[in-house]
Amino acid sequence: MASNGEEKSRVAAAGYGYGGYEGRDERKWWPWLVPTVIVACIAVFIVEMYVNNCPKHGSALGGCVAGFLRRFSFQPLRENPLLGPSSATLQKMGALDWNKVVHQHEGWRLISCIWLHAGLIHLVVNMLSLLFIGIRLEQQFGFVRIGAIYLLSGFGGSVLSALFLRNNYISVGASGALFGLLGSMLSELIMNWTIYSNKAAAIITLLFIIAINLAIGILPHADNFAHIGGFVTGFLLGFVLLARPQFGWMERHELPQTNQPPKYKAYQYVLWVVAFILLLVGFVISLVMLFKGKNGNDGCRWCHYLNCVPTSKWKCNT
């Protein structure tokens, strides 16, 4: 029987994943949910362009881009530099709109906006990110847990985005859900800290990726509140859903009956309880504030800088 240290050394040499861990008895799942989500998002974008029909509706800002695509051609670049439909089309199909969610009781937009994308560039970037992040997580933890993190993180991102969304602005995209997966990767590393080798490299890599993506979020046309809301939701969900049994428990069949270790360590149970309570309280408070018509910008005059920082090169009110 390999000792704890020998098992970790062998795993580190294998170099699997971002933390140097691969449980010997761990089940590997065949990933199908993430590819299905990618196909669904692509299909929704095709429907967006079909409904948009740029040649028929036209634009005051110029001619349609890629006119050879006919009704699937894009709006003028001055209107949508991401190669996509008009804001009116996105709003019609379920974009996040504070006024419609709060005053017209269209709460379904908190979910529908996750499946919409502002343009081809937006779609490609998000789907490639989902492919690289989501496949690995689904292989490790299965479609139920990763699907729950993806959807709830997207919802959490939408709620925070709506709380800080200014009037006459809309928001779309799967970025909140993607940040949720990143957040869950970080909390999974913390939750299962004792069974990982290469801890420092793993956490530094993850924090660097997260910091870069949040920095991009302060540029115009990016909704950093969706990023932050999705990340926090996914981070807490990672503690709840992604705990791994300790090494000793996985090797219990090789140990005497009297030496059977508990499945999880005490700190894992503590993190699970704290994260679950924070998640529940956060969702309740945020949803109550949202449907009471509260706007986060009214109580936080500087918070808009988390979403966009104006410079001499661009403005944030475009």
C-alpha atoms as a PDB file:
ATOM      1  CA  MET A   1       0.000   0.000   0.000  1.00  0.00           C
ATOM      2  CA  ALA A   2       1.351   3.442  -0.937  1.00  0.00           C
ATOM      3  CA  SER A   3       1.725   5.937   1.884  1.00  0.00           C
ATOM      4  CA  ASN A   4       0.056   9.345   1.777  1.00  0.00           C
ATOM      5  CA  GLY A   5       3.293  11.051   0.741  1.00  0.00           C
ATOM      6  CA  GLU A   6       4.083   8.420  -1.910  1.00  0.00           C
ATOM      7  CA  GLU A   7       0.600   8.774  -3.387  1.00  0.00           C
ATOM      8  CA  LYS A   8       0.971  12.563  -3.627  1.00  0.00           C
ATOM      9  CA  SER A   9       4.406  12.243  -5.250  1.00  0.00           C
ATOM     10  CA  ARG A  10       3.065   9.855  -7.880  1.00  0.00           C
ATOM     11  CA  VAL A  11       0.167  12.182  -8.592  1.00  0.00           C
ATOM     12  CA  ALA A  12       2.439  15.201  -8.828  1.00  0.00           C
ATOM     13  CA  ALA A  13       4.564  13.409 -11.379  1.00  0.00           C
ATOM     14  CA  ALA A  14       1.477  12.704 -13.439  1.00  0.00           C
ATOM     15  CA  GLY A  15       0.814  16.442 -13.476  1.00  0.00           C
ATOM     16  CA  TYR A  16      -2.917  16.057 -13.934  1.00  0.00           C
ATOM     17  CA  GLY A  17      -5.122  19.135 -13.635  1.00  0.00           C
ATOM     18  CA  TYR A  18      -4.211  22.474 -12.190  1.00  0.00           C
ATOM     19  CA  GLY A  19      -3.262  21.204  -8.753  1.00  0.00           C
ATOM     20  CA  GLY A  20      -1.386  17.976  -9.382  1.00  0.00           C
ATOM     21  CA  TYR A  21      -4.160  15.667  -8.193  1.00  0.00           C
ATOM     22  CA  GLU A  22      -5.814  12.609  -9.596  1.00  0.00           C
ATOM     23  CA  GLY A  23      -7.490  10.266  -7.147  1.00  0.00           C
ATOM     24  CA  ARG A  24      -6.664   6.656  -7.887  1.00  0.00           C
ATOM     25  CA  ASP A  25     -10.215   5.480  -7.261  1.00  0.00           C
ATOM     26  CA  GLU A  26     -11.882   8.603  -8.596  1.00  0.00           C
ATOM     27  CA  ARG A  27     -14.589   8.129 -11.182  1.00  0.00           C
ATOM     28  CA  LYS A  28     -14.119   9.938 -14.490  1.00  0.00           C
ATOM     29  CA  TRP A  29     -17.235  11.238 -16.219  1.00  0.00           C
ATOM     30  CA  TRP A  30     -17.812  11.455 -19.953  1.00  0.00           C
ATOM     31  CA  PRO A  31     -18.470  15.164 -20.628  1.00  0.00           C
ATOM     32  CA  TRP A  32     -21.660  15.807 -22.584  1.00  0.00           C
ATOM     33  CA  LEU A  33     -23.311  18.726 -20.785  1.00  0.00           C
ATOM     34  CA  VAL A  34     -20.683  21.332 -21.662  1.00  0.00           C
ATOM     35  CA  PRO A  35     -20.722  20.463 -25.403  1.00  0.00           C
ATOM     36  CA  THR A  36     -24.539  20.574 -25.277  1.00  0.00           C
ATOM     37  CA  VAL A  37     -24.473  24.046 -23.709  1.00  0.00           C
ATOM     38  CA  ILE A  38     -22.054  25.230 -26.391  1.00  0.00           C
ATOM     39  CA  VAL A  39     -24.311  23.894 -29.161  1.00  0.00           C
ATOM     40  CA  ALA A  40     -27.347  25.513 -27.494  1.00  0.00           C
ATOM     41  CA  CYS A  41     -25.639  28.920 -27.287  1.00  0.00           C
ATOM     42  CA  ILE A  42     -24.608  28.716 -30.938  1.00  0.00           C
ATOM     43  CA  ALA A  43     -28.173  27.774 -31.928  1.00  0.00           C
ATOM     44  CA  VAL A  44     -29.585  30.709 -29.927  1.00  0.00           C
ATOM     45  CA  PHE A  45     -27.157  33.087 -31.643  1.00  0.00           C
ATOM     46  CA  ILE A  46     -28.295  31.832 -35.058  1.00  0.00           C
ATOM     47  CA  VAL A  47     -31.892  32.524 -34.004  1.00  0.00           C
ATOM     48  CA  GLU A  48     -30.829  35.997 -32.835  1.00  0.00           C
ATOM     49  CA  MET A  49     -29.444  36.802 -36.271  1.00  0.00           C
ATOM     50  CA  TYR A  50     -32.503  35.331 -38.008  1.00  0.00           C
ATOM     51  CA  VAL A  51     -34.817  37.505 -35.918  1.00  0.00           C
ATOM     52  CA  ASN A  52     -32.553  40.549 -36.332  1.00  0.00           C
ATOM     53  CA  ASN A  53     -32.717  40.484 -40.167  1.00  0.00           C
ATOM     54  CA  CYS A  54     -30.470  43.529 -40.710  1.00  0.00           C
ATOM     55  CA  PRO A  55     -31.313  44.014 -44.437  1.00  0.00           C
ATOM     56  CA  LYS A  56     -35.018  44.316 -43.645  1.00  0.00           C
ATOM     57  CA  HIS A  57     -34.837  46.548 -40.583  1.00  0.00           C
ATOM     58  CA  GLY A  58     -31.762  48.543 -41.611  1.00  0.00           C
ATOM     59  CA  SER A  59     -29.791  50.960 -39.448  1.00  0.00           C
ATOM     60  CA  ALA A  60     -29.183  54.696 -39.374  1.00  0.00           C
ATOM     61  CA  LEU A  61     -25.503  54.053 -38.710  1.00  0.00           C
ATOM     62  CA  GLY A  62     -24.670  52.434 -42.063  1.00  0.00           C
ATOM     63  CA  GLY A  63     -25.051  49.281 -44.095  1.00  0.00           C
ATOM     64  CA  CYS A  64     -25.086  45.722 -42.820  1.00  0.00           C
ATOM     65  CA  VAL A  65     -21.774  43.920 -42.360  1.00  0.00           C
ATOM     66  CA  ALA A  66     -21.223  40.701 -44.379  1.00  0.00           C
ATOM     67  CA  GLY A  67     -24.253  41.390 -46.563  1.00  0.00           C
ATOM     68  CA  PHE A  68     -23.740  38.117 -48.443  1.00  0.00           C
ATOM     69  CA  LEU A  69     -25.193  36.410 -45.351  1.00  0.00           C
ATOM     70  CA  ARG A  70     -28.491  38.121 -46.193  1.00  0.00           C
ATOM     71  CA  ARG A  71     -30.848  38.108 -43.217  1.00  0.00           C
ATOM     72  CA  PHE A  72     -28.020  36.706 -41.054  1.00  0.00           C
ATOM     73  CA  SER A  73     -25.755  39.690 -41.770  1.00  0.00           C
ATOM     74  CA  PHE A  74     -24.515  41.806 -38.856  1.00  0.00           C
ATOM     75  CA  GLN A  75     -25.446  45.298 -37.737  1.00  0.00           C
ATOM     76  CA  PRO A  76     -23.032  48.126 -38.719  1.00  0.00           C
ATOM     77  CA  LEU A  77     -19.795  48.112 -36.728  1.00  0.00           C
ATOM     78  CA  ARG A  78     -20.566  51.582 -35.344  1.00  0.00           C
ATOM     79  CA  GLU A  79     -23.679  50.075 -33.775  1.00  0.00           C
ATOM     80  CA  ASN A  80     -22.293  46.677 -32.730  1.00  0.00           C
ATOM     81  CA  PRO A  81     -18.505  46.197 -32.996  1.00  0.00           C
ATOM     82  CA  LEU A  82     -18.870  42.584 -31.814  1.00  0.00           C
ATOM     83  CA  LEU A  83     -20.488  41.471 -35.100  1.00  0.00           C
ATOM     84  CA  GLY A  84     -23.994  40.811 -33.902  1.00  0.00           C
ATOM     85  CA  PRO A  85     -27.622  41.946 -33.782  1.00  0.00           C
ATOM     86  CA  SER A  86     -29.117  45.228 -32.635  1.00  0.00           C
ATOM     87  CA  SER A  87     -29.876  46.053 -29.002  1.00  0.00           C
ATOM     88  CA  ALA A  88     -33.576  45.981 -29.885  1.00  0.00           C
ATOM     89  CA  THR A  89     -33.277  42.357 -31.023  1.00  0.00           C
ATOM     90  CA  LEU A  90     -31.403  41.345 -27.894  1.00  0.00           C
ATOM     91  CA  GLN A  91     -33.994  43.058 -25.729  1.00  0.00           C
ATOM     92  CA  LYS A  92     -36.789  41.348 -27.634  1.00  0.00           C
ATOM     93  CA  MET A  93     -35.191  37.932 -27.101  1.00  0.00           C
ATOM     94  CA  GLY A  94     -34.656  38.306 -23.359  1.00  0.00           C
ATOM     95  CA  ALA A  95     -31.670  40.547 -22.574  1.00  0.00           C
ATOM     96  CA  LEU A  96     -31.323  41.675 -18.967  1.00  0.00           C
ATOM     97  CA  ASP A  97     -33.125  44.981 -18.538  1.00  0.00           C
ATOM     98  CA  TRP A  98     -33.560  46.456 -15.039  1.00  0.00           C
ATOM     99  CA  ASN A  99     -36.776  48.257 -15.848  1.00  0.00           C
ATOM    100  CA  LYS A 100     -38.407  45.184 -17.391  1.00  0.00           C
ATOM    101  CA  VAL A 101     -37.313  42.897 -14.569  1.00  0.00           C
ATOM    102  CA  VAL A 102     -38.431  45.211 -11.758  1.00  0.00           C
ATOM    103  CA  HIS A 103     -41.414  47.112 -13.142  1.00  0.00           C
ATOM    104  CA  GLN A 104     -42.762  44.747 -15.783  1.00  0.00           C
ATOM    105  CA  HIS A 105     -42.287  41.571 -13.719  1.00  0.00           C
ATOM    106  CA  GLU A 106     -40.104  39.847 -16.329  1.00  0.00           C
ATOM    107  CA  GLY A 107     -37.880  37.990 -13.895  1.00  0.00           C
ATOM    108  CA  TRP A 108     -37.288  35.279 -16.511  1.00  0.00           C
ATOM    109  CA  ARG A 109     -34.763  37.646 -18.075  1.00  0.00           C
ATOM    110  CA  LEU A 110     -32.376  36.782 -15.235  1.00  0.00           C
ATOM    111  CA  ILE A 111     -32.074  33.345 -16.867  1.00  0.00           C
ATOM    112  CA  SER A 112     -32.664  34.058 -20.560  1.00  0.00           C
ATOM    113  CA  CYS A 113     -29.849  36.615 -20.776  1.00  0.00           C
ATOM    114  CA  ILE A 114     -27.308  33.868 -19.954  1.00  0.00           C
ATOM    115  CA  TRP A 115     -28.011  32.184 -23.307  1.00  0.00           C
ATOM    116  CA  LEU A 116     -27.774  35.330 -25.439  1.00  0.00           C
ATOM    117  CA  HIS A 117     -24.612  36.878 -26.876  1.00  0.00           C
ATOM    118  CA  ALA A 118     -24.033  40.375 -28.187  1.00  0.00           C
ATOM    119  CA  GLY A 119     -22.058  39.251 -31.218  1.00  0.00           C
ATOM    120  CA  LEU A 120     -20.001  36.586 -32.938  1.00  0.00           C
ATOM    121  CA  ILE A 121     -16.810  37.704 -31.189  1.00  0.00           C
ATOM    122  CA  HIS A 122     -18.557  37.622 -27.822  1.00  0.00           C
ATOM    123  CA  LEU A 123     -19.896  34.134 -28.556  1.00  0.00           C
ATOM    124  CA  VAL A 124     -16.557  32.675 -29.725  1.00  0.00           C
ATOM    125  CA  VAL A 125     -14.614  34.005 -26.717  1.00  0.00           C
ATOM    126  CA  ASN A 126     -17.170  32.701 -24.219  1.00  0.00           C
ATOM    127  CA  MET A 127     -17.586  29.301 -25.848  1.00  0.00           C
ATOM    128  CA  LEU A 128     -13.832  28.699 -26.095  1.00  0.00           C
ATOM    129  CA  SER A 129     -13.519  29.617 -22.417  1.00  0.00           C
ATOM    130  CA  LEU A 130     -16.348  27.234 -21.543  1.00  0.00           C
ATOM    131  CA  LEU A 131     -14.734  24.463 -23.584  1.00  0.00           C
ATOM    132  CA  PHE A 132     -11.378  24.699 -21.812  1.00  0.00           C
ATOM    133  CA  ILE A 133     -12.750  25.259 -18.299  1.00  0.00           C
ATOM    134  CA  GLY A 134     -15.974  23.263 -18.345  1.00  0.00           C
ATOM    135  CA  ILE A 135     -14.786  20.028 -19.960  1.00  0.00           C
ATOM    136  CA  ARG A 136     -12.143  19.436 -17.313  1.00  0.00           C
ATOM    137  CA  LEU A 137     -14.570  20.146 -14.462  1.00  0.00           C
ATOM    138  CA  GLU A 138     -17.314  17.949 -15.907  1.00  0.00           C
ATOM    139  CA  GLN A 139     -14.849  15.073 -16.344  1.00  0.00           C
ATOM    140  CA  GLN A 140     -13.885  15.374 -12.692  1.00  0.00           C
ATOM    141  CA  PHE A 141     -17.234  16.064 -11.015  1.00  0.00           C
ATOM    142  CA  GLY A 142     -20.002  15.033 -13.411  1.00  0.00           C
ATOM    143  CA  PHE A 143     -22.741  16.931 -15.223  1.00  0.00           C
ATOM    144  CA  VAL A 144     -25.111  17.387 -12.244  1.00  0.00           C
ATOM    145  CA  ARG A 145     -22.734  19.384 -10.058  1.00  0.00           C
ATOM    146  CA  ILE A 146     -21.107  21.346 -12.882  1.00  0.00           C
ATOM    147  CA  GLY A 147     -24.487  22.033 -14.470  1.00  0.00           C
ATOM    148  CA  ALA A 148     -25.782  23.355 -11.135  1.00  0.00           C
ATOM    149  CA  ILE A 149     -22.731  25.596 -10.709  1.00  0.00           C
ATOM    150  CA  TYR A 150     -23.014  26.902 -14.275  1.00  0.00           C
ATOM    151  CA  LEU A 151     -26.717  27.777 -14.054  1.00  0.00           C
ATOM    152  CA  LEU A 152     -26.719  29.136 -10.497  1.00  0.00           C
ATOM    153  CA  SER A 153     -23.569  31.188 -11.146  1.00  0.00           C
ATOM    154  CA  GLY A 154     -25.131  32.615 -14.290  1.00  0.00           C
ATOM    155  CA  PHE A 155     -28.231  33.484 -12.256  1.00  0.00           C
ATOM    156  CA  GLY A 156     -26.125  35.024  -9.483  1.00  0.00           C
ATOM    157  CA  GLY A 157     -24.234  37.103 -12.035  1.00  0.00           C
ATOM    158  CA  SER A 158     -27.527  38.275 -13.550  1.00  0.00           C
ATOM    159  CA  VAL A 159     -28.913  39.311 -10.163  1.00  0.00           C
ATOM    160  CA  LEU A 160     -25.874  41.424  -9.246  1.00  0.00           C
ATOM    161  CA  SER A 161     -25.733  42.844 -12.760  1.00  0.00           C
ATOM    162  CA  ALA A 162     -29.414  43.845 -12.554  1.00  0.00           C
ATOM    163  CA  LEU A 163     -28.846  45.527  -9.189  1.00  0.00           C
ATOM    164  CA  PHE A 164     -26.208  47.806 -10.731  1.00  0.00           C
ATOM    165  CA  LEU A 165     -27.563  48.017 -14.283  1.00  0.00           C
ATOM    166  CA  ARG A 166     -28.355  51.590 -15.200  1.00  0.00           C
ATOM    167  CA  ASN A 167     -31.617  52.514 -16.838  1.00  0.00           C
ATOM    168  CA  ASN A 168     -31.755  52.020 -20.622  1.00  0.00           C
ATOM    169  CA  TYR A 169     -28.818  49.598 -20.493  1.00  0.00           C
ATOM    170  CA  ILE A 170     -29.020  45.879 -21.252  1.00  0.00           C
ATOM    171  CA  SER A 171     -26.755  42.940 -20.472  1.00  0.00           C
ATOM    172  CA  VAL A 172     -26.316  39.542 -22.139  1.00  0.00           C
ATOM    173  CA  GLY A 173     -23.816  36.685 -22.119  1.00  0.00           C
ATOM    174  CA  ALA A 174     -22.588  33.598 -20.308  1.00  0.00           C
ATOM    175  CA  SER A 175     -19.702  35.432 -18.630  1.00  0.00           C
ATOM    176  CA  GLY A 176     -21.243  35.202 -15.151  1.00  0.00           C
ATOM    177  CA  ALA A 177     -21.638  31.435 -15.502  1.00  0.00           C
ATOM    178  CA  LEU A 178     -18.058  31.108 -16.767  1.00  0.00           C
ATOM    179  CA  PHE A 179     -16.717  33.139 -13.859  1.00  0.00           C
ATOM    180  CA  GLY A 180     -18.713  30.838 -11.605  1.00  0.00           C
ATOM    181  CA  LEU A 181     -16.742  27.868 -12.937  1.00  0.00           C
ATOM    182  CA  LEU A 182     -13.502  29.759 -12.283  1.00  0.00           C
ATOM    183  CA  GLY A 183     -14.673  30.571  -8.763  1.00  0.00           C
ATOM    184  CA  SER A 184     -15.566  26.936  -8.121  1.00  0.00           C
ATOM    185  CA  MET A 185     -12.092  25.863  -9.263  1.00  0.00           C
ATOM    186  CA  LEU A 186     -10.558  28.177  -6.668  1.00  0.00           C
ATOM    187  CA  SER A 187     -12.812  27.042  -3.810  1.00  0.00           C
ATOM    188  CA  GLU A 188     -12.357  23.388  -4.806  1.00  0.00           C
ATOM    189  CA  LEU A 189      -8.616  23.855  -4.457  1.00  0.00           C
ATOM    190  CA  ILE A 190      -9.067  25.413  -1.003  1.00  0.00           C
ATOM    191  CA  MET A 191     -11.679  22.850   0.084  1.00  0.00           C
ATOM    192  CA  ASN A 192      -9.435  19.918  -0.884  1.00  0.00           C
ATOM    193  CA  TRP A 193      -6.171  21.596   0.087  1.00  0.00           C
ATOM    194  CA  THR A 194      -4.599  18.650   1.878  1.00  0.00           C
ATOM    195  CA  ILE A 195      -4.805  16.255  -1.090  1.00  0.00           C
ATOM    196  CA  TYR A 196      -3.109  18.524  -3.633  1.00  0.00           C
ATOM    197  CA  SER A 197       0.533  18.838  -4.502  1.00  0.00           C
ATOM    198  CA  ASN A 198       1.858  21.931  -6.305  1.00  0.00           C
ATOM    199  CA  LYS A 199      -0.530  24.059  -4.221  1.00  0.00           C
ATOM    200  CA  ALA A 200       1.285  27.372  -4.672  1.00  0.00           C
ATOM    201  CA  ALA A 201       1.565  27.037  -8.458  1.00  0.00           C
ATOM    202  CA  ALA A 202      -2.075  26.045  -8.744  1.00  0.00           C
ATOM    203  CA  ILE A 203      -3.467  28.927  -6.695  1.00  0.00           C
ATOM    204  CA  ILE A 204      -1.180  31.530  -8.290  1.00  0.00           C
ATOM    205  CA  THR A 205      -2.212  30.385 -11.773  1.00  0.00           C
ATOM    206  CA  LEU A 206      -5.895  30.536 -10.923  1.00  0.00           C
ATOM    207  CA  LEU A 207      -5.662  33.947  -9.243  1.00  0.00           C
ATOM    208  CA  PHE A 208      -3.737  35.304 -12.225  1.00  0.00           C
ATOM    209  CA  ILE A 209      -6.407  34.092 -14.677  1.00  0.00           C
ATOM    210  CA  ILE A 210      -9.176  35.536 -12.500  1.00  0.00           C
ATOM    211  CA  ALA A 211      -7.392  38.891 -12.088  1.00  0.00           C
ATOM    212  CA  ILE A 212      -6.826  39.238 -15.841  1.00  0.00           C
ATOM    213  CA  ASN A 213     -10.474  38.519 -16.599  1.00  0.00           C
ATOM    214  CA  LEU A 214     -11.710  40.971 -13.951  1.00  0.00           C
ATOM    215  CA  ALA A 215      -9.345  43.605 -15.345  1.00  0.00           C
ATOM    216  CA  ILE A 216     -10.831  43.108 -18.810  1.00  0.00           C
ATOM    217  CA  GLY A 217     -14.226  43.632 -17.202  1.00  0.00           C
ATOM    218  CA  ILE A 218     -13.489  47.297 -16.455  1.00  0.00           C
ATOM    219  CA  LEU A 219     -13.419  48.031 -20.194  1.00  0.00           C
ATOM    220  CA  PRO A 220     -16.543  49.439 -21.896  1.00  0.00           C
ATOM    221  CA  HIS A 221     -19.193  46.971 -23.142  1.00  0.00           C
ATOM    222  CA  ALA A 222     -18.163  44.357 -20.547  1.00  0.00           C
ATOM    223  CA  ASP A 223     -20.413  43.700 -17.549  1.00  0.00           C
ATOM    224  CA  ASN A 224     -18.055  43.226 -14.632  1.00  0.00           C
ATOM    225  CA  PHE A 225     -20.906  43.001 -12.135  1.00  0.00           C
ATOM    226  CA  ALA A 226     -22.060  39.824 -13.879  1.00  0.00           C
ATOM    227  CA  HIS A 227     -18.472  38.577 -13.641  1.00  0.00           C
ATOM    228  CA  ILE A 228     -18.240  39.384  -9.921  1.00  0.00           C
ATOM    229  CA  GLY A 229     -21.686  37.994  -9.081  1.00  0.00           C
ATOM    230  CA  GLY A 230     -21.011  34.796 -11.007  1.00  0.00           C
ATOM    231  CA  PHE A 231     -17.567  34.385  -9.458  1.00  0.00           C
ATOM    232  CA  VAL A 232     -18.792  34.807  -5.871  1.00  0.00           C
ATOM    233  CA  THR A 233     -21.700  32.404  -6.471  1.00  0.00           C
ATOM    234  CA  GLY A 234     -19.445  29.781  -8.051  1.00  0.00           C
ATOM    235  CA  PHE A 235     -16.831  30.249  -5.323  1.00  0.00           C
ATOM    236  CA  LEU A 236     -19.395  29.479  -2.597  1.00  0.00           C
ATOM    237  CA  LEU A 237     -20.950  26.632  -4.588  1.00  0.00           C
ATOM    238  CA  GLY A 238     -17.525  25.029  -4.968  1.00  0.00           C
ATOM    239  CA  PHE A 239     -17.351  24.580  -1.192  1.00  0.00           C
ATOM    240  CA  VAL A 240     -20.843  23.060  -1.175  1.00  0.00           C
ATOM    241  CA  LEU A 241     -20.605  20.753  -4.198  1.00  0.00           C
ATOM    242  CA  LEU A 242     -16.962  19.939  -4.920  1.00  0.00           C
ATOM    243  CA  ALA A 243     -15.554  18.436  -1.734  1.00  0.00           C
ATOM    244  CA  ARG A 244     -13.328  15.385  -2.320  1.00  0.00           C
ATOM    245  CA  PRO A 245     -12.855  12.553   0.192  1.00  0.00           C
ATOM    246  CA  GLN A 246      -9.446  12.538   1.846  1.00  0.00           C
ATOM    247  CA  PHE A 247      -6.830  10.072   0.599  1.00  0.00           C
ATOM    248  CA  GLY A 248      -7.162   7.789   3.595  1.00  0.00           C
ATOM    249  CA  TRP A 249     -10.880   7.321   2.988  1.00  0.00           C
ATOM    250  CA  MET A 250     -10.319   6.474  -0.673  1.00  0.00           C
ATOM    251  CA  GLU A 251      -7.899   3.726   0.414  1.00  0.00           C
ATOM    252  CA  ARG A 252     -10.179   2.453   3.198  1.00  0.00           C
ATOM    253  CA  HIS A 253     -10.504  -1.017   1.630  1.00  0.00           C
ATOM    254  CA  GLU A 254      -6.770  -1.522   2.276  1.00  0.00           C
ATOM    255  CA  LEU A 255      -6.946  -0.468   5.924  1.00  0.00           C
ATOM    256  CA  PRO A 256      -7.995  -2.473   8.986  1.00  0.00           C
ATOM    257  CA  GLN A 257     -11.609  -1.923  10.010  1.00  0.00           C
ATOM    258  CA  THR A 258     -10.501  -0.198  13.206  1.00  0.00           C
ATOM    259  CA  ASN A 259      -8.459   2.403  11.292  1.00  0.00           C
ATOM    260  CA  GLN A 260     -11.214   3.594   8.963  1.00  0.00           C
ATOM    261  CA  PRO A 261     -10.875   7.403   8.594  1.00  0.00           C
ATOM    262  CA  PRO A 262     -13.851   9.762   8.172  1.00  0.00           C
ATOM    263  CA  LYS A 263     -14.781  10.592   4.592  1.00  0.00           C
ATOM    264  CA  TYR A 264     -14.219  14.339   5.012  1.00  0.00           C
ATOM    265  CA  LYS A 265     -12.049  16.408   7.320  1.00  0.00           C
ATOM    266  CA  ALA A 266     -13.589  18.728   9.927  1.00  0.00           C
ATOM    267  CA  TYR A 267     -12.579  21.895   8.078  1.00  0.00           C
ATOM    268  CA  GLN A 268     -14.397  20.660   4.961  1.00  0.00           C
ATOM    269  CA  TYR A 269     -17.648  20.361   6.908  1.00  0.00           C
ATOM    270  CA  VAL A 270     -17.152  23.841   8.374  1.00  0.00           C
ATOM    271  CA  LEU A 271     -16.512  25.384   4.954  1.00  0.00           C
ATOM    272  CA  TRP A 272     -19.579  23.587   3.549  1.00  0.00           C
ATOM    273  CA  VAL A 273     -21.898  24.991   6.243  1.00  0.00           C
ATOM    274  CA  VAL A 274     -20.496  28.551   6.101  1.00  0.00           C
ATOM    275  CA  ALA A 275     -20.611  28.680   2.279  1.00  0.00           C
ATOM    276  CA  PHE A 276     -24.171  27.327   2.155  1.00  0.00           C
ATOM    277  CA  ILE A 277     -25.414  29.920   4.668  1.00  0.00           C
ATOM    278  CA  LEU A 278     -23.648  32.789   2.875  1.00  0.00           C
ATOM    279  CA  LEU A 279     -25.023  31.625  -0.472  1.00  0.00           C
ATOM    280  CA  LEU A 280     -28.591  31.392   0.815  1.00  0.00           C
ATOM    281  CA  VAL A 281     -28.473  34.747   2.630  1.00  0.00           C
ATOM    282  CA  GLY A 282     -26.830  36.457  -0.340  1.00  0.00           C
ATOM    283  CA  PHE A 283     -29.458  35.266  -2.811  1.00  0.00           C
ATOM    284  CA  VAL A 284     -32.358  36.233  -0.517  1.00  0.00           C
ATOM    285  CA  ILE A 285     -31.043  39.739   0.209  1.00  0.00           C
ATOM    286  CA  SER A 286     -30.103  40.418  -3.425  1.00  0.00           C
ATOM    287  CA  LEU A 287     -33.456  39.263  -4.826  1.00  0.00           C
ATOM    288  CA  VAL A 288     -35.434  41.214  -2.219  1.00  0.00           C
ATOM    289  CA  MET A 289     -33.460  44.370  -3.025  1.00  0.00           C
ATOM    290  CA  LEU A 290     -33.879  43.839  -6.767  1.00  0.00           C
ATOM    291  CA  PHE A 291     -37.641  43.286  -6.780  1.00  0.00           C
ATOM    292  CA  LYS A 292     -38.132  46.208  -4.392  1.00  0.00           C
ATOM    293  CA  GLY A 293     -36.653  48.372  -7.129  1.00  0.00           C
ATOM    294  CA  LYS A 294     -33.369  49.172  -5.402  1.00  0.00           C
ATOM    295  CA  ASN A 295     -30.437  50.217  -7.558  1.00  0.00           C
ATOM    296  CA  GLY A 296     -26.982  49.521  -6.191  1.00  0.00           C
ATOM    297  CA  ASN A 297     -25.568  52.700  -7.721  1.00  0.00           C
ATOM    298  CA  ASP A 298     -27.776  54.804  -5.424  1.00  0.00           C
ATOM    299  CA  GLY A 299     -26.119  53.464  -2.288  1.00  0.00           C
ATOM    300  CA  CYS A 300     -22.608  53.128  -3.690  1.00  0.00           C
ATOM    301  CA  ARG A 301     -21.365  56.123  -5.641  1.00  0.00           C
ATOM    302  CA  TRP A 302     -18.037  54.545  -6.554  1.00  0.00           C
ATOM    303  CA  CYS A 303     -19.214  51.032  -7.432  1.00  0.00           C
ATOM    304  CA  HIS A 304     -19.628  51.894 -11.112  1.00  0.00           C
ATOM    305  CA  TYR A 305     -15.826  52.013 -11.344  1.00  0.00           C
ATOM    306  CA  LEU A 306     -15.833  48.251 -10.775  1.00  0.00           C
ATOM    307  CA  ASN A 307     -17.664  47.934 -14.081  1.00  0.00           C
ATOM    308  CA  CYS A 308     -15.880  50.534 -16.178  1.00  0.00           C
ATOM    309  CA  VAL A 309     -13.051  52.984 -15.579  1.00  0.00           C
ATOM    310  CA  PRO A 310     -13.194  56.004 -17.948  1.00  0.00           C
ATOM    311  CA  THR A 311      -9.943  57.126 -19.581  1.00  0.00           C
ATOM    312  CA  SER A 312      -8.878  59.468 -22.355  1.00  0.00           C
ATOM    313  CA  LYS A 313      -9.267  56.535 -24.774  1.00  0.00           C
ATOM    314  CA  TRP A 314     -12.895  55.644 -24.000  1.00  0.00           C
ATOM    315  CA  LYS A 315     -15.993  56.712 -22.115  1.00  0.00           C
ATOM    316  CA  CYS A 316     -18.223  54.535 -19.960  1.00  0.00           C
ATOM    317  CA  ASN A 317     -21.568  56.063 -20.879  1.00  0.00           C
ATOM    318  CA  THR A 318     -21.606  54.796 -24.472  1.00  0.00           C
END
